[in-house]
Amino acid sequence: MLGDTYLAVHRWFKGFNPWKSQVTSTLVWVHLLEIPEEFFNREDVMHIAELIGDPIRVDRATELGARMKYAIVCVEVDLTKPLLG
């Protein structure tokens, strides 16, 4: 955030027109609750997150297994599709 405004940064491409550009995806931090202990590892958490969108990374506590009650993962979601509850 920049002040009270969200700032999205994307790779520049030839022909980019900021006046006609549309935001079609965004990054969100998702809390995954009640993951069985045997699936509480980076690989399985990222695989579960694929059901929501394109997983980018897990937070440090999830990576280290420091908090076993829930996992937090950053996921890129497609805003042209209905969002999951």
Protein backbone atom coordinates (compact mmCIF):
# COMPACT_ATOMS: atom_id res chain seq x y z
CA MET A 1 0.00 0.00 0.00
CA LEU A 2 1.09 3.51 -0.69
CA GLY A 3 -0.73 5.71 1.80
CA ASP A 4 -4.35 4.56 1.59
CA THR A 5 -4.03 3.25 -1.97
CA TYR A 6 -3.06 -0.19 -3.23
CA LEU A 7 -0.17 -0.11 -5.66
CA ALA A 8 0.15 -2.91 -8.21
CA VAL A 9 3.43 -3.33 -10.09
CA HIS A 10 3.71 -5.49 -13.19
CA ARG A 11 6.43 -6.14 -15.73
CA TRP A 12 6.41 -3.56 -18.54
CA PHE A 13 5.69 -4.78 -22.07
CA LYS A 14 5.86 -3.18 -25.51
CA GLY A 15 2.67 -1.32 -26.33
CA PHE A 16 1.67 -0.87 -22.67
CA ASN A 17 -0.93 1.89 -22.29
CA PRO A 18 -1.59 2.86 -18.65
CA TRP A 19 -4.89 4.50 -19.60
CA LYS A 20 -6.29 1.28 -21.08
CA SER A 21 -4.64 -1.23 -18.77
CA GLN A 22 -6.93 -3.49 -16.74
CA VAL A 23 -6.11 -5.33 -13.53
CA THR A 24 -6.94 -8.99 -14.13
CA SER A 25 -5.10 -10.58 -11.20
CA THR A 26 -3.90 -9.74 -7.73
CA LEU A 27 -1.90 -11.28 -4.90
CA VAL A 28 -3.73 -12.29 -1.73
CA TRP A 29 -2.54 -13.87 1.52
CA VAL A 30 -4.71 -16.90 2.29
CA HIS A 31 -5.05 -18.65 5.66
CA LEU A 32 -5.48 -22.40 5.23
CA LEU A 33 -7.13 -23.81 8.34
CA GLU A 34 -7.17 -27.31 9.84
CA ILE A 35 -4.47 -28.85 7.64
CA PRO A 36 -3.64 -32.37 8.88
CA GLU A 37 -0.17 -32.49 10.40
CA GLU A 38 1.15 -34.93 7.77
CA PHE A 39 0.36 -32.35 5.04
CA PHE A 40 1.81 -29.38 6.92
CA ASN A 41 4.90 -28.88 4.76
CA ARG A 42 5.76 -26.36 2.06
CA GLU A 43 5.17 -28.71 -0.88
CA ASP A 44 1.72 -29.87 0.25
CA VAL A 45 0.61 -26.39 1.33
CA MET A 46 1.58 -25.01 -2.10
CA HIS A 47 -0.30 -27.88 -3.75
CA ILE A 48 -3.44 -27.12 -1.70
CA ALA A 49 -3.11 -23.42 -2.61
CA GLU A 50 -3.24 -24.34 -6.32
CA LEU A 51 -6.97 -24.93 -5.81
CA ILE A 52 -7.31 -21.17 -5.21
CA GLY A 53 -4.88 -19.76 -7.77
CA ASP A 54 -1.18 -19.64 -8.60
CA PRO A 55 0.74 -20.06 -5.32
CA ILE A 56 3.68 -17.66 -4.96
CA ARG A 57 5.14 -18.33 -1.51
CA VAL A 58 4.37 -19.33 2.07
CA ASP A 59 5.04 -17.09 5.05
CA ARG A 60 8.10 -17.70 7.22
CA ALA A 61 6.22 -19.29 10.15
CA THR A 62 4.58 -21.78 7.75
CA GLU A 63 7.93 -22.52 6.09
CA LEU A 64 9.52 -23.25 9.48
CA GLY A 65 6.50 -25.15 10.84
CA ALA A 66 6.46 -22.72 13.78
CA ARG A 67 2.68 -22.41 13.81
CA MET A 68 0.86 -25.69 13.20
CA LYS A 69 -2.72 -24.39 13.58
CA TYR A 70 -2.91 -22.86 10.08
CA ALA A 71 -0.75 -22.07 7.07
CA ILE A 72 -0.47 -18.73 5.31
CA VAL A 73 0.29 -18.68 1.60
CA CYS A 74 0.45 -15.89 -0.97
CA VAL A 75 -1.64 -16.75 -4.04
CA GLU A 76 -2.15 -14.89 -7.31
CA VAL A 77 -5.86 -14.98 -8.10
CA ASP A 78 -7.52 -14.35 -11.45
CA LEU A 79 -9.99 -11.50 -10.98
CA THR A 80 -11.83 -12.40 -14.19
CA LYS A 81 -13.13 -15.57 -12.46
CA PRO A 82 -15.47 -15.77 -9.44
CA LEU A 83 -13.56 -15.61 -6.14
CA LEU A 84 -13.70 -18.58 -3.77
CA GLY A 85 -15.11 -18.17 -0.27
